């Protein structure tokens, strides 16, 4: 009877080792990193006044979607204290799809600006336009996600000590709240730029919402 009862009670998940902590920290940095990149784009939009074109907005969407994949892993760790193989594959799979989509979108914008004499769209950072940097970062993300997935089986079903107060939990909560705030600001920025229209203009020069409601124009 005791042996039967013992088989019905699942064993507690073992404490995560170094690899488990690295996986969790990588998810936090991945989410924070892509969110920070979107913030850089918002800075160029709200500061120098460089309105993003439809392809720019699409790239930001893929960046935030990539961050949401990592956020899914973080949220699971914060709630249950464990990260199962299903959670790892779902989270990094979502990020991988987003990185591939973002790579194609940034490559497409790059190809539209390769004609001789074409100065490109927007300002440059260290000699490259923002969509050039986006393509590079998307490619690096594909490689990083592949490495994370290669080691995911070794950390699956390991308890992540993020449910207790400490650096792990703080980093995870900061990543989730930061991502949520940037998503909200990005949605508002796109709405103001698009106004009550179905499509963004190819070369936006103004926030059409204010013209639609009669505040400007």
N, C-alpha and C. Protein backbone atom coordinates (compact mmCIF):
# COMPACT_ATOMS: atom_id res chain seq x y z
N UNK A 1 0.84 -1.20 0.00
CA UNK A 1 0.00 0.00 0.00
C UNK A 1 0.88 1.25 0.00
N UNK A 2 1.91 1.24 0.84
CA UNK A 2 2.81 2.39 0.91
C UNK A 2 3.53 2.60 -0.41
N UNK A 3 3.90 1.45 -1.04
CA UNK A 3 4.58 1.56 -2.32
C UNK A 3 3.66 2.15 -3.39
N UNK A 4 2.34 1.75 -3.31
CA UNK A 4 1.38 2.28 -4.26
C UNK A 4 1.19 3.77 -4.08
N UNK A 5 1.06 4.20 -2.81
CA UNK A 5 0.90 5.62 -2.53
C UNK A 5 2.12 6.40 -3.00
N UNK A 6 3.29 5.79 -2.85
CA UNK A 6 4.51 6.49 -3.26
C UNK A 6 4.53 6.74 -4.76
N UNK A 7 3.99 5.78 -5.52
CA UNK A 7 4.00 5.95 -6.97
C UNK A 7 3.00 6.99 -7.44
N UNK A 8 1.97 7.28 -6.59
CA UNK A 8 0.95 8.24 -6.98
C UNK A 8 1.38 9.67 -6.70
N UNK A 9 2.36 9.86 -5.85
CA UNK A 9 2.82 11.20 -5.49
C UNK A 9 4.02 11.56 -6.36
N UNK A 10 3.91 12.57 -7.22
CA UNK A 10 5.04 12.92 -8.09
C UNK A 10 6.19 13.49 -7.30
N UNK A 11 7.37 13.17 -7.77
CA UNK A 11 8.57 13.71 -7.12
C UNK A 11 8.67 15.20 -7.40
N UNK A 12 9.18 15.94 -6.43
CA UNK A 12 9.38 17.37 -6.62
C UNK A 12 10.46 17.60 -7.65
N UNK A 13 10.31 18.58 -8.50
CA UNK A 13 11.33 18.84 -9.52
C UNK A 13 12.63 19.24 -8.88
N UNK A 14 13.75 18.76 -9.40
CA UNK A 14 15.04 19.10 -8.83
C UNK A 14 15.38 20.56 -9.05
N UNK A 15 16.23 21.08 -8.20
CA UNK A 15 16.65 22.46 -8.34
C UNK A 15 17.47 22.63 -9.62
N UNK A 16 17.30 23.74 -10.26
CA UNK A 16 17.99 23.97 -11.51
C UNK A 16 19.47 24.18 -11.26
N UNK A 17 20.29 23.74 -12.20
CA UNK A 17 21.71 23.96 -12.14
C UNK A 17 22.09 25.22 -12.87
N UNK A 18 23.35 25.34 -13.18
CA UNK A 18 23.85 26.53 -13.86
C UNK A 18 23.19 26.70 -15.23
N UNK A 19 23.01 25.59 -15.94
CA UNK A 19 22.43 25.68 -17.27
C UNK A 19 20.99 26.18 -17.22
N UNK A 20 20.24 25.74 -16.23
CA UNK A 20 18.87 26.22 -16.09
C UNK A 20 18.81 27.71 -15.81
N UNK A 21 19.70 28.19 -14.97
CA UNK A 21 19.74 29.62 -14.68
C UNK A 21 20.16 30.42 -15.92
N UNK A 22 21.11 29.87 -16.68
CA UNK A 22 21.55 30.56 -17.89
C UNK A 22 20.40 30.67 -18.88
N UNK A 23 19.62 29.58 -19.02
CA UNK A 23 18.47 29.62 -19.93
C UNK A 23 17.48 30.70 -19.51
N UNK A 24 17.21 30.78 -18.22
CA UNK A 24 16.26 31.78 -17.73
C UNK A 24 16.79 33.20 -17.94
N UNK A 25 18.07 33.41 -17.59
CA UNK A 25 18.66 34.73 -17.78
C UNK A 25 18.69 35.11 -19.26
N UNK A 26 18.95 34.13 -20.13
CA UNK A 26 18.97 34.41 -21.56
C UNK A 26 17.59 34.86 -22.04
N UNK A 27 16.53 34.21 -21.54
CA UNK A 27 15.18 34.63 -21.90
C UNK A 27 14.91 36.06 -21.45
N UNK A 28 15.38 36.42 -20.26
CA UNK A 28 15.21 37.80 -19.76
C UNK A 28 15.95 38.79 -20.64
N UNK A 29 17.20 38.51 -20.94
CA UNK A 29 18.00 39.43 -21.76
C UNK A 29 17.46 39.50 -23.19
N UNK A 30 16.95 38.38 -23.69
CA UNK A 30 16.39 38.36 -25.03
C UNK A 30 15.18 39.29 -25.12
N UNK A 31 14.28 39.15 -24.14
CA UNK A 31 13.09 40.00 -24.12
C UNK A 31 13.46 41.47 -23.92
N UNK A 32 14.36 41.74 -22.97
CA UNK A 32 14.78 43.12 -22.72
C UNK A 32 15.51 43.70 -23.92
N UNK A 33 16.32 42.88 -24.59
CA UNK A 33 17.09 43.35 -25.72
C UNK A 33 16.22 43.80 -26.88
N UNK A 34 15.28 42.96 -27.28
CA UNK A 34 14.41 43.33 -28.39
C UNK A 34 13.50 44.49 -28.02
N UNK A 35 13.06 44.53 -26.77
CA UNK A 35 12.24 45.67 -26.34
C UNK A 35 13.05 46.96 -26.40
N UNK A 36 14.31 46.88 -26.02
CA UNK A 36 15.18 48.05 -26.10
C UNK A 36 15.40 48.51 -27.53
N UNK A 37 15.50 47.56 -28.47
CA UNK A 37 15.67 47.93 -29.88
C UNK A 37 14.44 48.68 -30.38
N UNK A 38 13.25 48.21 -29.99
CA UNK A 38 12.02 48.92 -30.38
C UNK A 38 12.01 50.31 -29.76
N UNK A 39 12.49 50.44 -28.53
CA UNK A 39 12.58 51.76 -27.90
C UNK A 39 13.49 52.69 -28.69
N UNK A 40 14.57 52.15 -29.24
CA UNK A 40 15.46 52.97 -30.07
C UNK A 40 14.72 53.49 -31.30
N UNK A 41 13.89 52.63 -31.90
CA UNK A 41 13.09 53.07 -33.03
C UNK A 41 12.09 54.14 -32.63
N UNK A 42 11.47 53.97 -31.46
CA UNK A 42 10.53 54.98 -30.98
C UNK A 42 11.23 56.30 -30.70
N UNK A 43 12.46 56.22 -30.24
CA UNK A 43 13.23 57.45 -30.00
C UNK A 43 13.43 58.22 -31.30
N UNK A 44 13.80 57.50 -32.37
CA UNK A 44 13.99 58.18 -33.66
C UNK A 44 12.67 58.72 -34.19
N UNK A 45 11.57 58.08 -33.82
CA UNK A 45 10.27 58.57 -34.27
C UNK A 45 9.82 59.79 -33.48
N UNK A 46 9.94 59.73 -32.17
CA UNK A 46 9.43 60.80 -31.33
C UNK A 46 10.44 61.92 -31.12
N UNK A 47 11.73 61.61 -31.28
CA UNK A 47 12.77 62.63 -31.12
C UNK A 47 13.01 63.38 -32.41
N UNK A 48 13.86 62.84 -33.31
CA UNK A 48 14.12 63.52 -34.59
C UNK A 48 12.89 63.61 -35.49
N UNK A 49 11.83 62.88 -35.18
CA UNK A 49 10.62 62.98 -35.98
C UNK A 49 10.65 62.16 -37.25
N UNK A 50 11.34 61.01 -37.23
CA UNK A 50 11.39 60.12 -38.40
C UNK A 50 10.21 59.15 -38.33
N UNK A 51 9.19 59.41 -39.10
CA UNK A 51 8.00 58.57 -39.07
C UNK A 51 8.30 57.22 -39.71
N UNK A 52 7.97 56.13 -39.05
CA UNK A 52 8.25 54.81 -39.62
C UNK A 52 7.33 54.49 -40.78
N UNK A 53 7.89 53.89 -41.82
CA UNK A 53 7.11 53.45 -42.96
C UNK A 53 6.43 52.12 -42.62
N UNK A 54 5.55 51.60 -43.47
CA UNK A 54 4.90 50.32 -43.17
C UNK A 54 5.87 49.18 -42.91
N UNK A 55 6.97 49.10 -43.66
CA UNK A 55 7.95 48.04 -43.42
C UNK A 55 8.65 48.22 -42.08
N UNK A 56 8.89 49.47 -41.69
CA UNK A 56 9.48 49.73 -40.37
C UNK A 56 8.56 49.25 -39.26
N UNK A 57 7.27 49.55 -39.40
CA UNK A 57 6.30 49.13 -38.40
C UNK A 57 6.22 47.61 -38.34
N UNK A 58 6.27 46.96 -39.51
CA UNK A 58 6.23 45.49 -39.53
C UNK A 58 7.44 44.90 -38.82
N UNK A 59 8.60 45.50 -38.99
CA UNK A 59 9.80 45.02 -38.31
C UNK A 59 9.66 45.17 -36.80
N UNK A 60 9.08 46.27 -36.35
CA UNK A 60 8.86 46.44 -34.91
C UNK A 60 7.90 45.39 -34.38
N UNK A 61 6.90 45.06 -35.16
CA UNK A 61 5.95 44.03 -34.74
C UNK A 61 6.65 42.69 -34.56
N UNK A 62 7.53 42.35 -35.50
CA UNK A 62 8.27 41.10 -35.39
C UNK A 62 9.23 41.13 -34.20
N UNK A 63 9.81 42.29 -33.93
CA UNK A 63 10.70 42.40 -32.76
C UNK A 63 9.94 42.14 -31.47
N UNK A 64 8.77 42.75 -31.34
CA UNK A 64 7.96 42.56 -30.14
C UNK A 64 7.44 41.13 -30.05
N UNK A 65 7.13 40.53 -31.19
CA UNK A 65 6.69 39.13 -31.19
C UNK A 65 7.82 38.22 -30.74
N UNK A 66 9.05 38.51 -31.17
CA UNK A 66 10.21 37.73 -30.73
C UNK A 66 10.39 37.86 -29.22
N UNK A 67 10.21 39.08 -28.70
CA UNK A 67 10.32 39.28 -27.26
C UNK A 67 9.21 38.56 -26.51
N UNK A 68 8.02 38.48 -27.10
CA UNK A 68 6.90 37.79 -26.46
C UNK A 68 7.17 36.29 -26.32
N UNK A 69 7.92 35.72 -27.26
CA UNK A 69 8.28 34.31 -27.12
C UNK A 69 9.10 34.06 -25.87
N UNK A 70 10.10 34.91 -25.65
CA UNK A 70 10.90 34.79 -24.43
C UNK A 70 10.07 35.12 -23.20
N UNK A 71 9.16 36.09 -23.32
CA UNK A 71 8.30 36.47 -22.20
C UNK A 71 7.41 35.31 -21.77
N UNK A 72 7.00 34.49 -22.72
CA UNK A 72 6.18 33.32 -22.40
C UNK A 72 6.94 32.36 -21.48
N UNK A 73 8.23 32.19 -21.76
CA UNK A 73 9.07 31.32 -20.92
C UNK A 73 9.24 31.95 -19.54
N UNK A 74 9.49 33.24 -19.49
CA UNK A 74 9.67 33.94 -18.21
C UNK A 74 8.41 33.83 -17.36
N UNK A 75 7.28 34.07 -17.96
CA UNK A 75 6.01 34.04 -17.22
C UNK A 75 5.75 32.66 -16.64
N UNK A 76 6.04 31.62 -17.41
CA UNK A 76 5.85 30.26 -16.91
C UNK A 76 6.75 29.98 -15.71
N UNK A 77 7.99 30.47 -15.78
CA UNK A 77 8.92 30.27 -14.66
C UNK A 77 8.47 31.02 -13.42
N UNK A 78 7.93 32.22 -13.60
CA UNK A 78 7.50 33.02 -12.46
C UNK A 78 6.25 32.42 -11.80
N UNK A 79 5.38 31.83 -12.59
CA UNK A 79 4.13 31.31 -12.05
C UNK A 79 4.31 29.94 -11.41
N UNK A 80 4.93 29.02 -12.15
CA UNK A 80 5.01 27.63 -11.67
C UNK A 80 6.36 27.25 -11.09
N UNK A 81 7.38 28.03 -11.39
CA UNK A 81 8.70 27.69 -10.90
C UNK A 81 9.42 26.66 -11.74
N UNK A 82 8.77 26.14 -12.76
CA UNK A 82 9.40 25.17 -13.65
C UNK A 82 9.17 25.58 -15.10
N UNK A 83 10.05 25.13 -15.95
CA UNK A 83 9.93 25.36 -17.38
C UNK A 83 9.94 24.01 -18.07
N UNK A 84 8.80 23.59 -18.58
CA UNK A 84 8.67 22.28 -19.20
C UNK A 84 9.15 22.32 -20.64
N UNK A 85 9.40 21.15 -21.24
CA UNK A 85 9.80 21.13 -22.66
C UNK A 85 8.78 21.82 -23.56
N UNK A 86 7.47 21.67 -23.27
CA UNK A 86 6.45 22.32 -24.08
C UNK A 86 6.60 23.84 -24.04
N UNK A 87 6.88 24.38 -22.85
CA UNK A 87 7.03 25.83 -22.71
C UNK A 87 8.26 26.31 -23.48
N UNK A 88 9.38 25.60 -23.33
CA UNK A 88 10.59 25.98 -24.06
C UNK A 88 10.35 25.99 -25.56
N UNK A 89 9.77 24.91 -26.07
CA UNK A 89 9.58 24.81 -27.52
C UNK A 89 8.58 25.85 -28.02
N UNK A 90 7.52 26.10 -27.25
CA UNK A 90 6.53 27.09 -27.66
C UNK A 90 7.12 28.49 -27.66
N UNK A 91 7.81 28.84 -26.58
CA UNK A 91 8.38 30.18 -26.47
C UNK A 91 9.44 30.46 -27.52
N UNK A 92 10.44 29.59 -27.60
CA UNK A 92 11.50 29.83 -28.57
C UNK A 92 11.03 29.61 -29.99
N UNK A 93 10.03 28.74 -30.18
CA UNK A 93 9.46 28.58 -31.52
C UNK A 93 8.79 29.85 -32.00
N UNK A 94 8.04 30.50 -31.10
CA UNK A 94 7.42 31.78 -31.44
C UNK A 94 8.47 32.82 -31.77
N UNK A 95 9.53 32.87 -30.98
CA UNK A 95 10.60 33.84 -31.23
C UNK A 95 11.30 33.54 -32.56
N UNK A 96 11.48 32.27 -32.87
CA UNK A 96 12.15 31.90 -34.12
C UNK A 96 11.32 32.31 -35.33
N UNK A 97 10.02 32.06 -35.29
CA UNK A 97 9.15 32.47 -36.39
C UNK A 97 9.21 33.99 -36.56
N UNK A 98 9.18 34.72 -35.44
CA UNK A 98 9.24 36.17 -35.50
C UNK A 98 10.57 36.65 -36.08
N UNK A 99 11.67 36.02 -35.68
CA UNK A 99 12.99 36.42 -36.18
C UNK A 99 13.10 36.17 -37.68
N UNK A 100 12.55 35.05 -38.15
CA UNK A 100 12.59 34.76 -39.58
C UNK A 100 11.73 35.77 -40.35
N UNK A 101 10.53 36.05 -39.84
CA UNK A 101 9.68 37.04 -40.48
C UNK A 101 10.32 38.42 -40.49
N UNK A 102 10.94 38.80 -39.37
CA UNK A 102 11.62 40.09 -39.32
C UNK A 102 12.81 40.15 -40.25
N UNK A 103 13.52 39.03 -40.40
CA UNK A 103 14.65 38.99 -41.32
C UNK A 103 14.20 39.26 -42.75
N UNK A 104 13.11 38.62 -43.15
CA UNK A 104 12.61 38.83 -44.51
C UNK A 104 12.15 40.27 -44.70
N UNK A 105 11.46 40.83 -43.70
CA UNK A 105 10.94 42.19 -43.83
C UNK A 105 12.08 43.21 -43.93
N UNK A 106 13.09 43.07 -43.07
CA UNK A 106 14.22 44.01 -43.13
C UNK A 106 15.04 43.81 -44.40
N UNK A 107 15.15 42.56 -44.86
CA UNK A 107 15.85 42.31 -46.13
C UNK A 107 15.09 42.95 -47.29
N UNK A 108 13.76 42.85 -47.26
CA UNK A 108 12.94 43.45 -48.31
C UNK A 108 13.15 44.96 -48.35
N UNK A 109 13.17 45.60 -47.20
CA UNK A 109 13.38 47.05 -47.18
C UNK A 109 14.78 47.41 -47.66
N UNK A 110 15.75 46.58 -47.32
CA UNK A 110 17.12 46.81 -47.79
C UNK A 110 17.20 46.73 -49.31
N UNK A 111 16.53 45.74 -49.89
CA UNK A 111 16.56 45.56 -51.34
C UNK A 111 15.89 46.72 -52.08
N UNK A 112 14.94 47.37 -51.42
CA UNK A 112 14.28 48.51 -52.06
C UNK A 112 15.15 49.76 -52.10
N UNK A 113 16.27 49.74 -51.35
CA UNK A 113 17.11 50.94 -51.23
C UNK A 113 18.53 50.70 -51.73
N UNK A 114 18.72 49.72 -52.63
CA UNK A 114 20.08 49.37 -53.04
C UNK A 114 20.48 49.99 -54.37
N UNK A 115 19.58 50.72 -55.01
CA UNK A 115 19.92 51.33 -56.29
C UNK A 115 20.99 52.42 -56.10
N UNK A 116 21.88 52.56 -57.05
CA UNK A 116 22.92 53.60 -56.94
C UNK A 116 22.31 54.99 -56.76
N UNK A 117 22.84 55.72 -55.81
CA UNK A 117 22.35 57.07 -55.53
C UNK A 117 21.21 57.11 -54.53
N UNK A 118 20.67 55.96 -54.18
CA UNK A 118 19.58 55.92 -53.19
C UNK A 118 20.18 56.07 -51.79
N UNK A 119 19.77 57.10 -51.10
CA UNK A 119 20.31 57.37 -49.76
C UNK A 119 19.63 56.58 -48.66
N UNK A 120 18.62 55.78 -49.01
CA UNK A 120 17.94 54.98 -48.01
C UNK A 120 16.87 55.77 -47.28
N UNK A 121 16.24 55.10 -46.33
CA UNK A 121 15.13 55.72 -45.60
C UNK A 121 15.55 55.94 -44.15
N UNK A 122 15.44 57.17 -43.69
CA UNK A 122 15.77 57.47 -42.30
C UNK A 122 17.24 57.75 -42.10
N UNK A 123 17.59 58.00 -40.84
CA UNK A 123 18.97 58.32 -40.51
C UNK A 123 19.81 57.06 -40.37
N UNK A 124 21.10 57.26 -40.18
CA UNK A 124 22.04 56.15 -40.05
C UNK A 124 22.59 56.09 -38.64
N UNK A 125 22.93 54.89 -38.23
CA UNK A 125 23.59 54.64 -36.94
C UNK A 125 24.86 53.85 -37.23
N UNK A 126 26.01 54.46 -36.98
CA UNK A 126 27.30 53.84 -37.26
C UNK A 126 27.40 53.42 -38.72
N UNK A 127 26.89 54.25 -39.59
CA UNK A 127 27.01 54.01 -41.02
C UNK A 127 25.95 53.13 -41.63
N UNK A 128 25.05 52.60 -40.84
CA UNK A 128 24.00 51.71 -41.35
C UNK A 128 22.64 52.25 -40.95
N UNK A 129 21.65 52.05 -41.83
CA UNK A 129 20.29 52.44 -41.51
C UNK A 129 19.70 51.47 -40.49
N UNK A 130 18.61 51.88 -39.87
CA UNK A 130 18.00 51.06 -38.83
C UNK A 130 17.55 49.70 -39.35
N UNK A 131 17.07 49.65 -40.58
CA UNK A 131 16.62 48.36 -41.11
C UNK A 131 17.80 47.44 -41.44
N UNK A 132 18.99 48.03 -41.70
CA UNK A 132 20.18 47.20 -41.84
C UNK A 132 20.53 46.54 -40.51
N UNK A 133 20.50 47.34 -39.45
CA UNK A 133 20.77 46.79 -38.12
C UNK A 133 19.72 45.76 -37.73
N UNK A 134 18.48 46.02 -38.12
CA UNK A 134 17.41 45.07 -37.81
C UNK A 134 17.70 43.72 -38.46
N UNK A 135 18.13 43.73 -39.71
CA UNK A 135 18.44 42.47 -40.39
C UNK A 135 19.56 41.73 -39.69
N UNK A 136 20.60 42.46 -39.31
CA UNK A 136 21.73 41.83 -38.60
C UNK A 136 21.26 41.21 -37.28
N UNK A 137 20.47 41.95 -36.51
CA UNK A 137 20.01 41.46 -35.21
C UNK A 137 19.06 40.29 -35.36
N UNK A 138 18.22 40.31 -36.37
CA UNK A 138 17.33 39.17 -36.60
C UNK A 138 18.13 37.91 -36.93
N UNK A 139 19.18 38.06 -37.74
CA UNK A 139 20.02 36.91 -38.08
C UNK A 139 20.72 36.36 -36.85
N UNK A 140 21.24 37.26 -36.03
CA UNK A 140 21.90 36.81 -34.80
C UNK A 140 20.91 36.13 -33.86
N UNK A 141 19.68 36.60 -33.85
CA UNK A 141 18.66 35.99 -33.00
C UNK A 141 18.35 34.56 -33.43
N UNK A 142 18.31 34.33 -34.74
CA UNK A 142 18.06 32.98 -35.24
C UNK A 142 19.13 32.02 -34.73
N UNK A 143 20.38 32.46 -34.78
CA UNK A 143 21.48 31.63 -34.28
C UNK A 143 21.36 31.41 -32.78
N UNK A 144 21.07 32.48 -32.03
CA UNK A 144 20.97 32.38 -30.57
C UNK A 144 19.82 31.46 -30.17
N UNK A 145 18.70 31.56 -30.85
CA UNK A 145 17.56 30.69 -30.53
C UNK A 145 17.90 29.23 -30.83
N UNK A 146 18.61 29.00 -31.93
CA UNK A 146 19.03 27.64 -32.24
C UNK A 146 19.90 27.04 -31.15
N UNK A 147 20.83 27.83 -30.62
CA UNK A 147 21.68 27.37 -29.52
C UNK A 147 20.84 27.09 -28.27
N UNK A 148 19.90 27.99 -27.97
CA UNK A 148 19.03 27.80 -26.80
C UNK A 148 18.21 26.53 -26.92
N UNK A 149 17.69 26.26 -28.10
CA UNK A 149 16.89 25.05 -28.30
C UNK A 149 17.75 23.79 -28.21
N UNK A 150 19.00 23.91 -28.62
CA UNK A 150 19.90 22.75 -28.56
C UNK A 150 20.16 22.30 -27.12
N UNK A 151 20.13 23.26 -26.19
CA UNK A 151 20.37 22.93 -24.78
C UNK A 151 19.09 22.88 -23.96
N UNK A 152 17.93 23.08 -24.59
CA UNK A 152 16.68 23.13 -23.84
C UNK A 152 16.37 21.80 -23.18
N UNK A 153 16.72 20.69 -23.83
CA UNK A 153 16.38 19.38 -23.26
C UNK A 153 17.11 19.14 -21.94
N UNK A 154 18.26 19.77 -21.77
CA UNK A 154 19.04 19.53 -20.55
C UNK A 154 18.50 20.31 -19.36
N UNK A 155 17.65 21.32 -19.61
CA UNK A 155 17.14 22.13 -18.51
C UNK A 155 15.64 21.98 -18.33
N UNK A 156 14.99 21.20 -19.18
CA UNK A 156 13.55 21.04 -19.09
C UNK A 156 13.17 20.34 -17.78
N UNK A 157 12.02 20.74 -17.25
CA UNK A 157 11.49 20.19 -16.01
C UNK A 157 12.38 20.47 -14.82
N UNK A 158 13.24 21.45 -14.90
CA UNK A 158 14.06 21.85 -13.77
C UNK A 158 13.41 23.05 -13.08
N UNK A 159 13.44 23.05 -11.77
CA UNK A 159 12.83 24.14 -11.02
C UNK A 159 13.68 25.40 -11.18
N UNK A 160 13.06 26.46 -11.57
CA UNK A 160 13.74 27.76 -11.68
C UNK A 160 13.42 28.56 -10.43
N UNK A 161 14.40 28.93 -9.63
CA UNK A 161 14.14 29.63 -8.37
C UNK A 161 13.77 31.09 -8.60
N UNK A 162 12.74 31.31 -9.43
CA UNK A 162 12.33 32.69 -9.72
C UNK A 162 11.08 33.08 -8.97
N UNK A 163 10.45 32.11 -8.31
CA UNK A 163 9.23 32.43 -7.59
C UNK A 163 9.53 33.08 -6.25
N UNK A 164 10.77 33.02 -5.83
CA UNK A 164 11.17 33.66 -4.58
C UNK A 164 11.78 35.03 -4.89
N UNK A 165 11.67 35.98 -3.95
CA UNK A 165 12.28 37.29 -4.17
C UNK A 165 13.77 37.18 -4.42
N UNK A 166 14.25 37.94 -5.37
CA UNK A 166 15.66 37.90 -5.69
C UNK A 166 15.91 38.44 -7.08
N UNK A 167 17.15 38.31 -7.53
CA UNK A 167 17.54 38.88 -8.82
C UNK A 167 16.78 38.23 -9.98
N UNK A 168 16.58 36.91 -9.90
CA UNK A 168 15.89 36.22 -10.99
C UNK A 168 14.46 36.71 -11.15
N UNK A 169 13.74 36.80 -10.06
CA UNK A 169 12.36 37.26 -10.13
C UNK A 169 12.29 38.72 -10.55
N UNK A 170 13.18 39.55 -10.02
CA UNK A 170 13.19 40.96 -10.38
C UNK A 170 13.45 41.16 -11.86
N UNK A 171 14.42 40.43 -12.40
CA UNK A 171 14.74 40.54 -13.82
C UNK A 171 13.56 40.12 -14.67
N UNK A 172 12.90 39.03 -14.29
CA UNK A 172 11.75 38.56 -15.05
C UNK A 172 10.60 39.54 -15.03
N UNK A 173 10.29 40.09 -13.85
CA UNK A 173 9.20 41.06 -13.75
C UNK A 173 9.51 42.33 -14.53
N UNK A 174 10.75 42.79 -14.47
CA UNK A 174 11.15 43.98 -15.22
C UNK A 174 11.00 43.75 -16.72
N UNK A 175 11.41 42.57 -17.18
CA UNK A 175 11.30 42.27 -18.61
C UNK A 175 9.85 42.26 -19.06
N UNK A 176 8.96 41.67 -18.26
CA UNK A 176 7.55 41.59 -18.64
C UNK A 176 6.88 42.96 -18.63
N UNK A 177 7.11 43.74 -17.59
CA UNK A 177 6.49 45.06 -17.50
C UNK A 177 7.04 46.01 -18.56
N UNK A 178 8.34 45.96 -18.79
CA UNK A 178 8.96 46.80 -19.82
C UNK A 178 8.39 46.47 -21.19
N UNK A 179 8.27 45.18 -21.49
CA UNK A 179 7.72 44.75 -22.77
C UNK A 179 6.27 45.21 -22.92
N UNK A 180 5.48 45.03 -21.87
CA UNK A 180 4.08 45.46 -21.94
C UNK A 180 3.94 46.95 -22.18
N UNK A 181 4.77 47.75 -21.52
CA UNK A 181 4.70 49.21 -21.69
C UNK A 181 5.09 49.61 -23.10
N UNK A 182 6.13 49.00 -23.65
CA UNK A 182 6.58 49.35 -25.00
C UNK A 182 5.56 48.91 -26.04
N UNK A 183 4.92 47.78 -25.84
CA UNK A 183 3.85 47.35 -26.76
C UNK A 183 2.74 48.38 -26.78
N UNK A 184 2.33 48.85 -25.59
CA UNK A 184 1.26 49.85 -25.51
C UNK A 184 1.65 51.14 -26.22
N UNK A 185 2.88 51.62 -25.99
CA UNK A 185 3.34 52.86 -26.63
C UNK A 185 3.43 52.67 -28.15
N UNK A 186 3.90 51.51 -28.59
CA UNK A 186 4.02 51.24 -30.02
C UNK A 186 2.66 51.23 -30.70
N UNK A 187 1.68 50.61 -30.06
CA UNK A 187 0.33 50.58 -30.63
C UNK A 187 -0.24 51.99 -30.73
N UNK A 188 -0.02 52.80 -29.71
CA UNK A 188 -0.51 54.18 -29.73
C UNK A 188 0.18 54.98 -30.83
N UNK A 189 1.48 54.79 -30.99
CA UNK A 189 2.23 55.52 -32.01
C UNK A 189 1.74 55.17 -33.41
N UNK A 190 1.48 53.88 -33.64
CA UNK A 190 0.98 53.47 -34.95
C UNK A 190 -0.42 54.02 -35.19
N UNK A 191 -1.26 54.00 -34.17
CA UNK A 191 -2.62 54.52 -34.32
C UNK A 191 -2.61 56.01 -34.65
N UNK A 192 -1.76 56.77 -33.96
CA UNK A 192 -1.68 58.20 -34.23
C UNK A 192 -1.16 58.49 -35.63
N UNK A 193 -0.24 57.66 -36.08
CA UNK A 193 0.31 57.87 -37.41
C UNK A 193 -0.66 57.45 -38.51
N UNK A 194 -1.41 56.40 -38.27
CA UNK A 194 -2.34 55.89 -39.28
C UNK A 194 -3.67 56.61 -39.26
N UNK A 195 -4.10 57.03 -38.07
CA UNK A 195 -5.39 57.69 -37.97
C UNK A 195 -6.53 56.74 -38.27
N UNK A 196 -7.62 57.26 -38.80
CA UNK A 196 -8.77 56.44 -39.13
C UNK A 196 -8.71 55.95 -40.58
N UNK A 197 -7.59 55.34 -40.92
CA UNK A 197 -7.38 54.83 -42.26
C UNK A 197 -6.97 53.35 -42.18
N UNK A 198 -7.15 52.66 -43.29
CA UNK A 198 -6.82 51.23 -43.30
C UNK A 198 -5.33 50.97 -43.44
N UNK A 199 -4.62 51.86 -44.10
CA UNK A 199 -3.22 51.62 -44.40
C UNK A 199 -2.37 52.83 -44.03
N UNK A 200 -1.12 52.53 -43.70
CA UNK A 200 -0.14 53.59 -43.49
C UNK A 200 0.35 54.09 -44.85
N UNK A 201 0.66 55.37 -44.96
CA UNK A 201 1.23 55.87 -46.22
C UNK A 201 2.63 55.30 -46.43
N UNK A 202 3.04 55.22 -47.68
CA UNK A 202 4.35 54.64 -48.00
C UNK A 202 5.48 55.46 -47.40
N UNK A 203 5.34 56.79 -47.43
CA UNK A 203 6.34 57.69 -46.84
C UNK A 203 5.61 58.65 -45.91
N UNK A 204 5.31 58.23 -44.69
CA UNK A 204 4.54 59.08 -43.78
C UNK A 204 5.32 60.32 -43.37
N UNK A 205 4.61 61.43 -43.28
CA UNK A 205 5.22 62.70 -42.92
C UNK A 205 4.52 63.36 -41.73
N UNK A 206 3.44 62.76 -41.25
CA UNK A 206 2.67 63.40 -40.20
C UNK A 206 1.87 62.35 -39.44
N UNK A 207 1.28 62.78 -38.31
CA UNK A 207 0.37 61.93 -37.55
C UNK A 207 -1.05 62.23 -38.03
N UNK A 208 -1.57 61.35 -38.85
CA UNK A 208 -2.83 61.62 -39.53
C UNK A 208 -4.02 61.68 -38.57
N UNK A 209 -3.89 61.06 -37.39
CA UNK A 209 -5.00 61.10 -36.44
C UNK A 209 -5.38 62.53 -36.09
N UNK A 210 -4.38 63.37 -35.85
CA UNK A 210 -4.66 64.76 -35.45
C UNK A 210 -5.31 65.54 -36.59
N UNK A 211 -5.01 65.17 -37.82
CA UNK A 211 -5.67 65.81 -38.96
C UNK A 211 -7.09 65.28 -39.14
N UNK A 212 -7.28 63.99 -38.82
CA UNK A 212 -8.60 63.38 -38.98
C UNK A 212 -9.60 63.98 -38.00
N UNK A 213 -9.15 64.31 -36.80
CA UNK A 213 -10.07 64.86 -35.79
C UNK A 213 -10.10 66.38 -35.82
N UNK A 214 -9.36 67.00 -36.72
CA UNK A 214 -9.42 68.44 -36.88
C UNK A 214 -8.54 69.23 -35.95
N UNK A 215 -7.63 68.57 -35.22
CA UNK A 215 -6.72 69.31 -34.33
C UNK A 215 -5.68 70.06 -35.13
N UNK A 216 -5.25 69.46 -36.24
CA UNK A 216 -4.25 70.09 -37.10
C UNK A 216 -4.80 70.10 -38.52
N UNK A 217 -4.23 70.93 -39.34
CA UNK A 217 -4.60 70.95 -40.73
C UNK A 217 -5.78 71.87 -41.03
